[in-house]
Amino acid sequence: MKTIIISLGVLLCSFFNVSAQKNKDLNFDNLYFFAQVGAIDDYSVFIQGGAYLQYEKHYFRLSAADGMDGESEAQKRFHQSHDNCECRVDVRSIRTFNMEYGRVYKFFRRQQIGFSSGLSVVTKTDPDVVFNQNRKPWEDEKFKKRVTVGLPYEIRYSLMFSRRIGIGCSYYGNLNARKNFNAMSAGLAVGLY
């Protein structure tokens, strides 16, 4: 088993070495689709995804980011008792739709670091405390949604295997009137061309 693993490692290293020698100046200009998961302040799960167009040292990005908690125990019990209920379950969350412009700096041939900022629409969903304190046992919890404009910012590191695929991690944040937050995530980017 060790021999097989070592043989595969040697073959992969030689493949990357040969392909690196063929392409002296690698070009990563492309339209990429990406998906990332990670951790966020004060919420259980962070997911972000979208598309970005990279050209030379610039990129324009459209993305959606979502930080949320799962269903509460009361919500789970309520929806289990209503078997045929196909209702949507609200949870405490913060969601953004982002439009960003950024700069990319390439180093060590296949690695990139990018900095971006722009504008976002932020939707924050919180429990309606007044209603939930006085609700009847058969009533589901209610939530309030508030919308505002925010300033997203991101620092992104990418390791590009080729022009079509790469992995990366990012530090993402958003400054807004409802709740400023920061998140870290890792994921995959796939190029269209």
C-alpha atoms as a PDB file:
ATOM      1  CA  MET A   1       0.000   0.000   0.000  1.00  0.00           C
ATOM      2  CA  LYS A   2       2.849   2.378   0.853  1.00  0.00           C
ATOM      3  CA  THR A   3       4.483   1.625  -2.498  1.00  0.00           C
ATOM      4  CA  ILE A   4       1.292   2.506  -4.371  1.00  0.00           C
ATOM      5  CA  ILE A   5       0.896   5.809  -2.506  1.00  0.00           C
ATOM      6  CA  ILE A   6       4.547   6.747  -3.073  1.00  0.00           C
ATOM      7  CA  SER A   7       4.290   5.825  -6.788  1.00  0.00           C
ATOM      8  CA  LEU A   8       1.169   7.961  -7.221  1.00  0.00           C
ATOM      9  CA  GLY A   9       2.869  10.856  -5.431  1.00  0.00           C
ATOM     10  CA  VAL A  10       5.933  10.662  -7.690  1.00  0.00           C
ATOM     11  CA  LEU A  11       3.744  10.519 -10.823  1.00  0.00           C
ATOM     12  CA  LEU A  12       1.649  13.506  -9.742  1.00  0.00           C
ATOM     13  CA  CYS A  13       4.728  15.552  -8.827  1.00  0.00           C
ATOM     14  CA  SER A  14       6.320  14.858 -12.192  1.00  0.00           C
ATOM     15  CA  PHE A  15       3.050  15.736 -13.999  1.00  0.00           C
ATOM     16  CA  PHE A  16       2.809  19.105 -12.232  1.00  0.00           C
ATOM     17  CA  ASN A  17       6.507  19.758 -12.840  1.00  0.00           C
ATOM     18  CA  VAL A  18       6.235  19.025 -16.595  1.00  0.00           C
ATOM     19  CA  SER A  19       3.061  21.094 -16.984  1.00  0.00           C
ATOM     20  CA  ALA A  20       4.684  23.949 -15.066  1.00  0.00           C
ATOM     21  CA  GLN A  21       7.685  23.918 -17.411  1.00  0.00           C
ATOM     22  CA  LYS A  22       5.448  23.998 -20.510  1.00  0.00           C
ATOM     23  CA  ASN A  23       3.491  27.070 -19.329  1.00  0.00           C
ATOM     24  CA  LYS A  24       6.001  29.702 -18.313  1.00  0.00           C
ATOM     25  CA  ASP A  25       3.375  32.414 -17.808  1.00  0.00           C
ATOM     26  CA  LEU A  26       0.081  30.990 -16.576  1.00  0.00           C
ATOM     27  CA  ASN A  27      -3.048  32.967 -17.362  1.00  0.00           C
ATOM     28  CA  PHE A  28      -6.112  32.644 -15.120  1.00  0.00           C
ATOM     29  CA  ASP A  29      -8.432  35.073 -16.953  1.00  0.00           C
ATOM     30  CA  ASN A  30     -11.793  33.302 -16.902  1.00  0.00           C
ATOM     31  CA  LEU A  31     -15.369  33.301 -15.652  1.00  0.00           C
ATOM     32  CA  TYR A  32     -15.420  31.280 -12.423  1.00  0.00           C
ATOM     33  CA  PHE A  33     -18.267  29.815 -10.401  1.00  0.00           C
ATOM     34  CA  PHE A  34     -17.497  29.211  -6.743  1.00  0.00           C
ATOM     35  CA  ALA A  35     -18.987  27.677  -3.613  1.00  0.00           C
ATOM     36  CA  GLN A  36     -17.620  27.922  -0.074  1.00  0.00           C
ATOM     37  CA  VAL A  37     -18.622  26.829   3.426  1.00  0.00           C
ATOM     38  CA  GLY A  38     -17.239  28.003   6.726  1.00  0.00           C
ATOM     39  CA  ALA A  39     -17.793  29.662  10.083  1.00  0.00           C
ATOM     40  CA  ILE A  40     -19.385  33.006  10.949  1.00  0.00           C
ATOM     41  CA  ASP A  41     -19.731  35.173  14.069  1.00  0.00           C
ATOM     42  CA  ASP A  42     -22.813  34.341  16.153  1.00  0.00           C
ATOM     43  CA  TYR A  43     -24.386  31.828  13.704  1.00  0.00           C
ATOM     44  CA  SER A  44     -24.043  28.070  13.178  1.00  0.00           C
ATOM     45  CA  VAL A  45     -23.363  27.830   9.431  1.00  0.00           C
ATOM     46  CA  PHE A  46     -21.895  30.082   6.729  1.00  0.00           C
ATOM     47  CA  ILE A  47     -22.339  29.393   3.011  1.00  0.00           C
ATOM     48  CA  GLN A  48     -21.422  31.605   0.083  1.00  0.00           C
ATOM     49  CA  GLY A  49     -21.457  31.131  -3.658  1.00  0.00           C
ATOM     50  CA  GLY A  50     -21.603  33.001  -6.899  1.00  0.00           C
ATOM     51  CA  ALA A  51     -19.573  33.923  -9.954  1.00  0.00           C
ATOM     52  CA  TYR A  52     -16.658  36.195 -10.696  1.00  0.00           C
ATOM     53  CA  LEU A  53     -15.020  37.354 -13.893  1.00  0.00           C
ATOM     54  CA  GLN A  54     -11.247  37.635 -13.646  1.00  0.00           C
ATOM     55  CA  TYR A  55      -9.311  39.600 -16.246  1.00  0.00           C
ATOM     56  CA  GLU A  56      -5.628  40.365 -15.789  1.00  0.00           C
ATOM     57  CA  LYS A  57      -5.358  41.802 -12.263  1.00  0.00           C
ATOM     58  CA  HIS A  58      -9.031  42.743 -11.872  1.00  0.00           C
ATOM     59  CA  TYR A  59     -12.172  40.825 -11.009  1.00  0.00           C
ATOM     60  CA  PHE A  60     -15.862  41.606 -10.740  1.00  0.00           C
ATOM     61  CA  ARG A  61     -17.906  39.363  -8.468  1.00  0.00           C
ATOM     62  CA  LEU A  62     -21.616  38.670  -7.881  1.00  0.00           C
ATOM     63  CA  SER A  63     -22.281  36.480  -4.880  1.00  0.00           C
ATOM     64  CA  ALA A  64     -24.706  35.529  -2.156  1.00  0.00           C
ATOM     65  CA  ALA A  65     -23.661  34.789   1.420  1.00  0.00           C
ATOM     66  CA  ASP A  66     -25.793  33.220   4.124  1.00  0.00           C
ATOM     67  CA  GLY A  67     -25.155  32.862   7.858  1.00  0.00           C
ATOM     68  CA  MET A  68     -27.863  30.962   9.717  1.00  0.00           C
ATOM     69  CA  ASP A  69     -28.855  28.862  12.680  1.00  0.00           C
ATOM     70  CA  GLY A  70     -30.733  25.606  12.358  1.00  0.00           C
ATOM     71  CA  GLU A  71     -34.310  25.057  13.491  1.00  0.00           C
ATOM     72  CA  SER A  72     -34.928  25.475  17.209  1.00  0.00           C
ATOM     73  CA  GLU A  73     -36.234  22.544  19.243  1.00  0.00           C
ATOM     74  CA  ALA A  74     -39.666  24.208  19.451  1.00  0.00           C
ATOM     75  CA  GLN A  75     -39.792  24.539  15.657  1.00  0.00           C
ATOM     76  CA  LYS A  76     -38.805  20.890  15.176  1.00  0.00           C
ATOM     77  CA  ARG A  77     -41.543  19.723  17.571  1.00  0.00           C
ATOM     78  CA  PHE A  78     -44.131  21.990  15.949  1.00  0.00           C
ATOM     79  CA  HIS A  79     -43.379  20.766  12.418  1.00  0.00           C
ATOM     80  CA  GLN A  80     -43.207  17.106  13.462  1.00  0.00           C
ATOM     81  CA  SER A  81     -46.719  17.385  14.892  1.00  0.00           C
ATOM     82  CA  HIS A  82     -47.960  18.788  11.547  1.00  0.00           C
ATOM     83  CA  ASP A  83     -47.004  15.955   9.181  1.00  0.00           C
ATOM     84  CA  ASN A  84     -48.615  17.398   6.055  1.00  0.00           C
ATOM     85  CA  CYS A  85     -47.302  20.907   6.634  1.00  0.00           C
ATOM     86  CA  GLU A  86     -45.282  22.048   3.625  1.00  0.00           C
ATOM     87  CA  CYS A  87     -44.701  25.449   5.154  1.00  0.00           C
ATOM     88  CA  ARG A  88     -41.399  27.292   4.996  1.00  0.00           C
ATOM     89  CA  VAL A  89     -39.480  27.393   8.251  1.00  0.00           C
ATOM     90  CA  ASP A  90     -37.828  30.694   9.148  1.00  0.00           C
ATOM     91  CA  VAL A  91     -34.651  30.623  11.208  1.00  0.00           C
ATOM     92  CA  ARG A  92     -32.444  33.330  12.662  1.00  0.00           C
ATOM     93  CA  SER A  93     -30.153  34.356   9.814  1.00  0.00           C
ATOM     94  CA  ILE A  94     -28.291  37.058   7.967  1.00  0.00           C
ATOM     95  CA  ARG A  95     -28.217  36.977   4.158  1.00  0.00           C
ATOM     96  CA  THR A  96     -26.417  39.178   1.659  1.00  0.00           C
ATOM     97  CA  PHE A  97     -26.320  39.691  -2.091  1.00  0.00           C
ATOM     98  CA  ASN A  98     -22.992  41.257  -3.066  1.00  0.00           C
ATOM     99  CA  MET A  99     -21.587  43.148  -6.046  1.00  0.00           C
ATOM    100  CA  GLU A 100     -17.845  43.600  -5.639  1.00  0.00           C
ATOM    101  CA  TYR A 101     -14.796  44.788  -7.521  1.00  0.00           C
ATOM    102  CA  GLY A 102     -11.358  43.493  -6.603  1.00  0.00           C
ATOM    103  CA  ARG A 103      -7.693  43.188  -7.471  1.00  0.00           C
ATOM    104  CA  VAL A 104      -5.776  39.920  -7.795  1.00  0.00           C
ATOM    105  CA  TYR A 105      -2.067  39.472  -7.216  1.00  0.00           C
ATOM    106  CA  LYS A 106      -0.391  36.323  -8.509  1.00  0.00           C
ATOM    107  CA  PHE A 107       2.616  34.745  -6.828  1.00  0.00           C
ATOM    108  CA  PHE A 108       4.475  31.410  -7.018  1.00  0.00           C
ATOM    109  CA  ARG A 109       2.902  30.836 -10.482  1.00  0.00           C
ATOM    110  CA  ARG A 110      -0.328  29.136  -9.316  1.00  0.00           C
ATOM    111  CA  GLN A 111      -1.267  31.086  -6.209  1.00  0.00           C
ATOM    112  CA  GLN A 112      -3.311  34.264  -5.994  1.00  0.00           C
ATOM    113  CA  ILE A 113      -4.398  36.647  -3.314  1.00  0.00           C
ATOM    114  CA  GLY A 114      -7.334  38.956  -3.958  1.00  0.00           C
ATOM    115  CA  PHE A 115      -8.816  41.968  -2.198  1.00  0.00           C
ATOM    116  CA  SER A 116     -12.339  43.160  -2.983  1.00  0.00           C
ATOM    117  CA  SER A 117     -15.094  45.439  -1.773  1.00  0.00           C
ATOM    118  CA  GLY A 118     -18.385  46.787  -3.088  1.00  0.00           C
ATOM    119  CA  LEU A 119     -22.063  47.069  -2.168  1.00  0.00           C
ATOM    120  CA  SER A 120     -24.497  44.528  -0.765  1.00  0.00           C
ATOM    121  CA  VAL A 121     -28.142  44.149   0.158  1.00  0.00           C
ATOM    122  CA  VAL A 122     -28.404  42.628   3.647  1.00  0.00           C
ATOM    123  CA  THR A 123     -31.474  40.833   5.044  1.00  0.00           C
ATOM    124  CA  LYS A 124     -31.431  40.052   8.761  1.00  0.00           C
ATOM    125  CA  THR A 125     -34.044  37.672  10.211  1.00  0.00           C
ATOM    126  CA  ASP A 126     -34.589  37.685  13.988  1.00  0.00           C
ATOM    127  CA  PRO A 127     -37.237  36.148  16.252  1.00  0.00           C
ATOM    128  CA  ASP A 128     -40.205  38.422  17.012  1.00  0.00           C
ATOM    129  CA  VAL A 129     -39.677  38.523  20.787  1.00  0.00           C
ATOM    130  CA  VAL A 130     -42.986  40.215  21.665  1.00  0.00           C
ATOM    131  CA  PHE A 131     -45.111  37.750  19.682  1.00  0.00           C
ATOM    132  CA  ASN A 132     -43.111  34.679  20.710  1.00  0.00           C
ATOM    133  CA  GLN A 133     -43.443  35.463  24.440  1.00  0.00           C
ATOM    134  CA  ASN A 134     -47.263  35.624  24.164  1.00  0.00           C
ATOM    135  CA  ARG A 135     -47.898  32.969  21.483  1.00  0.00           C
ATOM    136  CA  LYS A 136     -50.220  30.026  21.957  1.00  0.00           C
ATOM    137  CA  PRO A 137     -48.780  26.474  22.021  1.00  0.00           C
ATOM    138  CA  TRP A 138     -50.268  25.692  18.599  1.00  0.00           C
ATOM    139  CA  GLU A 139     -48.771  28.787  16.957  1.00  0.00           C
ATOM    140  CA  ASP A 140     -45.389  28.672  15.264  1.00  0.00           C
ATOM    141  CA  GLU A 141     -42.631  31.130  16.140  1.00  0.00           C
ATOM    142  CA  LYS A 142     -42.641  34.376  14.152  1.00  0.00           C
ATOM    143  CA  PHE A 143     -39.639  36.204  12.783  1.00  0.00           C
ATOM    144  CA  LYS A 144     -38.998  39.788  11.685  1.00  0.00           C
ATOM    145  CA  LYS A 145     -37.031  40.551   8.522  1.00  0.00           C
ATOM    146  CA  ARG A 146     -35.140  43.785   8.122  1.00  0.00           C
ATOM    147  CA  VAL A 147     -33.316  44.904   4.965  1.00  0.00           C
ATOM    148  CA  THR A 148     -30.432  47.350   4.673  1.00  0.00           C
ATOM    149  CA  VAL A 149     -27.437  48.178   2.478  1.00  0.00           C
ATOM    150  CA  GLY A 150     -23.958  47.041   3.459  1.00  0.00           C
ATOM    151  CA  LEU A 151     -20.296  47.309   2.556  1.00  0.00           C
ATOM    152  CA  PRO A 152     -18.799  43.848   1.927  1.00  0.00           C
ATOM    153  CA  TYR A 153     -15.066  43.214   1.941  1.00  0.00           C
ATOM    154  CA  GLU A 154     -13.053  40.095   1.290  1.00  0.00           C
ATOM    155  CA  ILE A 155      -9.502  38.805   1.319  1.00  0.00           C
ATOM    156  CA  ARG A 156      -9.237  35.646  -0.772  1.00  0.00           C
ATOM    157  CA  TYR A 157      -6.391  33.163  -1.257  1.00  0.00           C
ATOM    158  CA  SER A 158      -6.544  30.763  -4.232  1.00  0.00           C
ATOM    159  CA  LEU A 159      -4.430  27.851  -5.362  1.00  0.00           C
ATOM    160  CA  MET A 160      -5.175  27.331  -9.046  1.00  0.00           C
ATOM    161  CA  PHE A 161      -4.476  23.848 -10.411  1.00  0.00           C
ATOM    162  CA  SER A 162      -5.302  24.984 -13.931  1.00  0.00           C
ATOM    163  CA  ARG A 163      -7.290  27.689 -15.632  1.00  0.00           C
ATOM    164  CA  ARG A 164     -10.444  25.652 -14.987  1.00  0.00           C
ATOM    165  CA  ILE A 165     -10.202  24.655 -11.324  1.00  0.00           C
ATOM    166  CA  GLY A 166      -8.850  25.930  -8.045  1.00  0.00           C
ATOM    167  CA  ILE A 167      -9.353  25.788  -4.315  1.00  0.00           C
ATOM    168  CA  GLY A 168      -9.313  28.683  -1.935  1.00  0.00           C
ATOM    169  CA  CYS A 169     -10.144  30.198   1.380  1.00  0.00           C
ATOM    170  CA  SER A 170     -11.404  33.632   2.246  1.00  0.00           C
ATOM    171  CA  TYR A 171     -11.990  36.058   5.063  1.00  0.00           C
ATOM    172  CA  TYR A 172     -15.295  37.813   4.387  1.00  0.00           C
ATOM    173  CA  GLY A 173     -16.938  40.652   6.270  1.00  0.00           C
ATOM    174  CA  ASN A 174     -19.833  43.053   5.934  1.00  0.00           C
ATOM    175  CA  LEU A 175     -20.374  46.458   7.526  1.00  0.00           C
ATOM    176  CA  ASN A 176     -24.056  47.415   7.702  1.00  0.00           C
ATOM    177  CA  ALA A 177     -26.661  49.095   9.912  1.00  0.00           C
ATOM    178  CA  ARG A 178     -28.271  45.832  11.170  1.00  0.00           C
ATOM    179  CA  LYS A 179     -25.330  43.654  12.215  1.00  0.00           C
ATOM    180  CA  ASN A 180     -21.683  43.790  11.190  1.00  0.00           C
ATOM    181  CA  PHE A 181     -20.221  40.318  10.783  1.00  0.00           C
ATOM    182  CA  ASN A 182     -17.084  38.421   9.771  1.00  0.00           C
ATOM    183  CA  ALA A 183     -16.712  34.910   8.369  1.00  0.00           C
ATOM    184  CA  MET A 184     -14.027  32.509   7.185  1.00  0.00           C
ATOM    185  CA  SER A 185     -14.701  29.910   4.514  1.00  0.00           C
ATOM    186  CA  ALA A 186     -13.037  27.472   2.146  1.00  0.00           C
ATOM    187  CA  GLY A 187     -14.217  26.033  -1.123  1.00  0.00           C
ATOM    188  CA  LEU A 188     -13.846  25.358  -4.820  1.00  0.00           C
ATOM    189  CA  ALA A 189     -13.824  27.540  -7.942  1.00  0.00           C
ATOM    190  CA  VAL A 190     -14.554  26.122 -11.406  1.00  0.00           C
ATOM    191  CA  GLY A 191     -13.730  28.052 -14.572  1.00  0.00           C
ATOM    192  CA  LEU A 192     -16.066  28.146 -17.556  1.00  0.00           C
ATOM    193  CA  TYR A 193     -13.435  28.328 -20.327  1.00  0.00           C
END
